Amino acid sequence: MNKYGLHGKLTATGGKGEQLATILLEASRLVASAKGCHLYLVSQDQAHPDDVWITEVWDSKEDHDHSLKDEKVRALITQAMPLLAGKPEKGQVLDVLGGAGIS
């Protein structure tokens, strides 16, 4: 039951973490019905509120990549980019084997 997983951190410029998290939560609502999406989790670091973590589980890399072509998703990416403290680093690519909530 291998699935495609991503886990990564985006760091907002000082004091913009909540705004960044809001944009990413909107992205989670958009991809919730996307083909192959099982999980799009947005978390904020309690000790560093400008650090926002995203954990995703998809049926395949292709499904994930296809979701990034959606014009509404692209608009959210455009909104989020100016809030970032630097260029986004590549997240960890994971081979999701299973677990609670993932079927």
C-alpha atoms as a PDB file:
ATOM      1  CA  MET A   1       0.000   0.000   0.000  1.00  0.00           C
ATOM      2  CA  ASN A   2       2.750   2.477  -0.754  1.00  0.00           C
ATOM      3  CA  LYS A   3       1.652   6.066  -1.154  1.00  0.00           C
ATOM      4  CA  TYR A   4       3.555   9.233  -1.993  1.00  0.00           C
ATOM      5  CA  GLY A   5       4.251  11.443   1.009  1.00  0.00           C
ATOM      6  CA  LEU A   6       5.768  14.873   1.493  1.00  0.00           C
ATOM      7  CA  HIS A   7       6.764  16.600   4.711  1.00  0.00           C
ATOM      8  CA  GLY A   8       8.290  20.031   4.826  1.00  0.00           C
ATOM      9  CA  LYS A   9       8.563  23.372   6.552  1.00  0.00           C
ATOM     10  CA  LEU A  10       7.872  26.828   5.202  1.00  0.00           C
ATOM     11  CA  THR A  11       9.190  29.776   7.200  1.00  0.00           C
ATOM     12  CA  ALA A  12       7.326  33.062   7.009  1.00  0.00           C
ATOM     13  CA  THR A  13       8.900  36.464   7.445  1.00  0.00           C
ATOM     14  CA  GLY A  14       8.620  37.838  10.991  1.00  0.00           C
ATOM     15  CA  GLY A  15       5.070  37.788  12.271  1.00  0.00           C
ATOM     16  CA  LYS A  16       3.517  36.406   9.066  1.00  0.00           C
ATOM     17  CA  GLY A  17       3.232  32.762  10.156  1.00  0.00           C
ATOM     18  CA  GLU A  18      -0.485  32.938  10.880  1.00  0.00           C
ATOM     19  CA  GLN A  19      -1.189  34.536   7.500  1.00  0.00           C
ATOM     20  CA  LEU A  20       0.861  31.842   5.760  1.00  0.00           C
ATOM     21  CA  ALA A  21      -0.948  29.109   7.705  1.00  0.00           C
ATOM     22  CA  THR A  22      -4.313  30.573   6.665  1.00  0.00           C
ATOM     23  CA  ILE A  23      -3.339  30.384   2.980  1.00  0.00           C
ATOM     24  CA  LEU A  24      -2.127  26.797   3.388  1.00  0.00           C
ATOM     25  CA  LEU A  25      -5.343  25.814   5.171  1.00  0.00           C
ATOM     26  CA  GLU A  26      -7.266  27.195   2.193  1.00  0.00           C
ATOM     27  CA  ALA A  27      -5.043  25.053  -0.046  1.00  0.00           C
ATOM     28  CA  SER A  28      -5.964  22.029   2.077  1.00  0.00           C
ATOM     29  CA  ARG A  29      -9.649  22.687   1.393  1.00  0.00           C
ATOM     30  CA  LEU A  30      -8.982  22.918  -2.349  1.00  0.00           C
ATOM     31  CA  VAL A  31      -7.003  19.676  -2.592  1.00  0.00           C
ATOM     32  CA  ALA A  32      -9.306  17.740  -0.249  1.00  0.00           C
ATOM     33  CA  SER A  33     -11.276  16.561  -3.280  1.00  0.00           C
ATOM     34  CA  ALA A  34      -8.298  16.299  -5.643  1.00  0.00           C
ATOM     35  CA  LYS A  35      -7.655  12.927  -7.221  1.00  0.00           C
ATOM     36  CA  GLY A  36      -5.350  10.852  -5.013  1.00  0.00           C
ATOM     37  CA  CYS A  37      -5.198  13.202  -2.009  1.00  0.00           C
ATOM     38  CA  HIS A  38      -5.478  11.410   1.334  1.00  0.00           C
ATOM     39  CA  LEU A  39      -3.956  13.991   3.669  1.00  0.00           C
ATOM     40  CA  TYR A  40      -2.913  17.642   3.574  1.00  0.00           C
ATOM     41  CA  LEU A  41      -2.058  18.582   7.129  1.00  0.00           C
ATOM     42  CA  VAL A  42      -0.997  22.108   8.115  1.00  0.00           C
ATOM     43  CA  SER A  43       0.736  22.584  11.479  1.00  0.00           C
ATOM     44  CA  GLN A  44       2.374  25.515  13.203  1.00  0.00           C
ATOM     45  CA  ASP A  45       5.426  25.203  15.444  1.00  0.00           C
ATOM     46  CA  GLN A  46       4.450  26.334  18.966  1.00  0.00           C
ATOM     47  CA  ALA A  47       7.955  27.570  19.744  1.00  0.00           C
ATOM     48  CA  HIS A  48       8.456  29.231  16.334  1.00  0.00           C
ATOM     49  CA  PRO A  49       5.069  30.439  15.035  1.00  0.00           C
ATOM     50  CA  ASP A  50       6.534  31.618  11.722  1.00  0.00           C
ATOM     51  CA  ASP A  51       7.397  27.980  10.895  1.00  0.00           C
ATOM     52  CA  VAL A  52       4.511  26.211   9.199  1.00  0.00           C
ATOM     53  CA  TRP A  53       4.748  22.476   8.480  1.00  0.00           C
ATOM     54  CA  ILE A  54       2.894  20.665   5.732  1.00  0.00           C
ATOM     55  CA  THR A  55       2.420  16.897   5.616  1.00  0.00           C
ATOM     56  CA  GLU A  56       0.804  15.379   2.540  1.00  0.00           C
ATOM     57  CA  VAL A  57      -0.176  11.857   1.475  1.00  0.00           C
ATOM     58  CA  TRP A  58      -1.123  11.121  -2.137  1.00  0.00           C
ATOM     59  CA  ASP A  59      -1.702   7.992  -4.186  1.00  0.00           C
ATOM     60  CA  SER A  60       1.193   9.050  -6.432  1.00  0.00           C
ATOM     61  CA  LYS A  61       3.645  11.819  -7.227  1.00  0.00           C
ATOM     62  CA  GLU A  62       1.714  12.387 -10.437  1.00  0.00           C
ATOM     63  CA  ASP A  63      -1.492  13.092  -8.479  1.00  0.00           C
ATOM     64  CA  HIS A  64       0.397  15.575  -6.293  1.00  0.00           C
ATOM     65  CA  ASP A  65       2.015  17.282  -9.284  1.00  0.00           C
ATOM     66  CA  HIS A  66      -1.334  17.511 -11.071  1.00  0.00           C
ATOM     67  CA  SER A  67      -2.873  19.299  -8.062  1.00  0.00           C
ATOM     68  CA  LEU A  68      -0.268  22.055  -8.407  1.00  0.00           C
ATOM     69  CA  LYS A  69      -1.601  22.873 -11.882  1.00  0.00           C
ATOM     70  CA  ASP A  70      -5.049  23.861 -10.562  1.00  0.00           C
ATOM     71  CA  GLU A  71      -5.503  27.606 -11.128  1.00  0.00           C
ATOM     72  CA  LYS A  72      -6.947  28.187  -7.636  1.00  0.00           C
ATOM     73  CA  VAL A  73      -3.993  26.366  -6.059  1.00  0.00           C
ATOM     74  CA  ARG A  74      -1.602  28.409  -8.223  1.00  0.00           C
ATOM     75  CA  ALA A  75      -3.292  31.634  -7.020  1.00  0.00           C
ATOM     76  CA  LEU A  76      -2.709  30.596  -3.395  1.00  0.00           C
ATOM     77  CA  ILE A  77       0.941  29.835  -4.155  1.00  0.00           C
ATOM     78  CA  THR A  78       1.232  33.342  -5.608  1.00  0.00           C
ATOM     79  CA  GLN A  79      -0.239  34.791  -2.383  1.00  0.00           C
ATOM     80  CA  ALA A  80       2.064  32.750  -0.152  1.00  0.00           C
ATOM     81  CA  MET A  81       5.392  33.387  -1.890  1.00  0.00           C
ATOM     82  CA  PRO A  82       5.860  37.023  -0.715  1.00  0.00           C
ATOM     83  CA  LEU A  83       5.295  35.906   2.892  1.00  0.00           C
ATOM     84  CA  LEU A  84       8.214  33.463   2.874  1.00  0.00           C
ATOM     85  CA  ALA A  85      11.484  34.315   4.597  1.00  0.00           C
ATOM     86  CA  GLY A  86      13.401  32.577   1.809  1.00  0.00           C
ATOM     87  CA  LYS A  87      13.089  30.245  -1.099  1.00  0.00           C
ATOM     88  CA  PRO A  88      11.142  27.120  -0.090  1.00  0.00           C
ATOM     89  CA  GLU A  89      13.418  24.155   0.481  1.00  0.00           C
ATOM     90  CA  LYS A  90      12.535  20.805  -0.985  1.00  0.00           C
ATOM     91  CA  GLY A  91      10.581  18.825   1.580  1.00  0.00           C
ATOM     92  CA  GLN A  92      11.211  15.246   2.541  1.00  0.00           C
ATOM     93  CA  VAL A  93       9.746  12.757   0.098  1.00  0.00           C
ATOM     94  CA  LEU A  94       8.374   9.769   1.965  1.00  0.00           C
ATOM     95  CA  ASP A  95       7.197   6.298   1.018  1.00  0.00           C
ATOM     96  CA  VAL A  96       4.025   6.067   3.123  1.00  0.00           C
ATOM     97  CA  LEU A  97       3.475   2.479   4.202  1.00  0.00           C
ATOM     98  CA  GLY A  98       0.244   2.931   6.175  1.00  0.00           C
ATOM     99  CA  GLY A  99      -1.062   3.981   9.549  1.00  0.00           C
ATOM    100  CA  ALA A 100      -4.168   5.197  11.340  1.00  0.00           C
ATOM    101  CA  GLY A 101      -6.415   7.196   9.036  1.00  0.00           C
ATOM    102  CA  ILE A 102      -4.603   6.167   5.843  1.00  0.00           C
ATOM    103  CA  SER A 103      -6.334   3.455   3.877  1.00  0.00           C
END
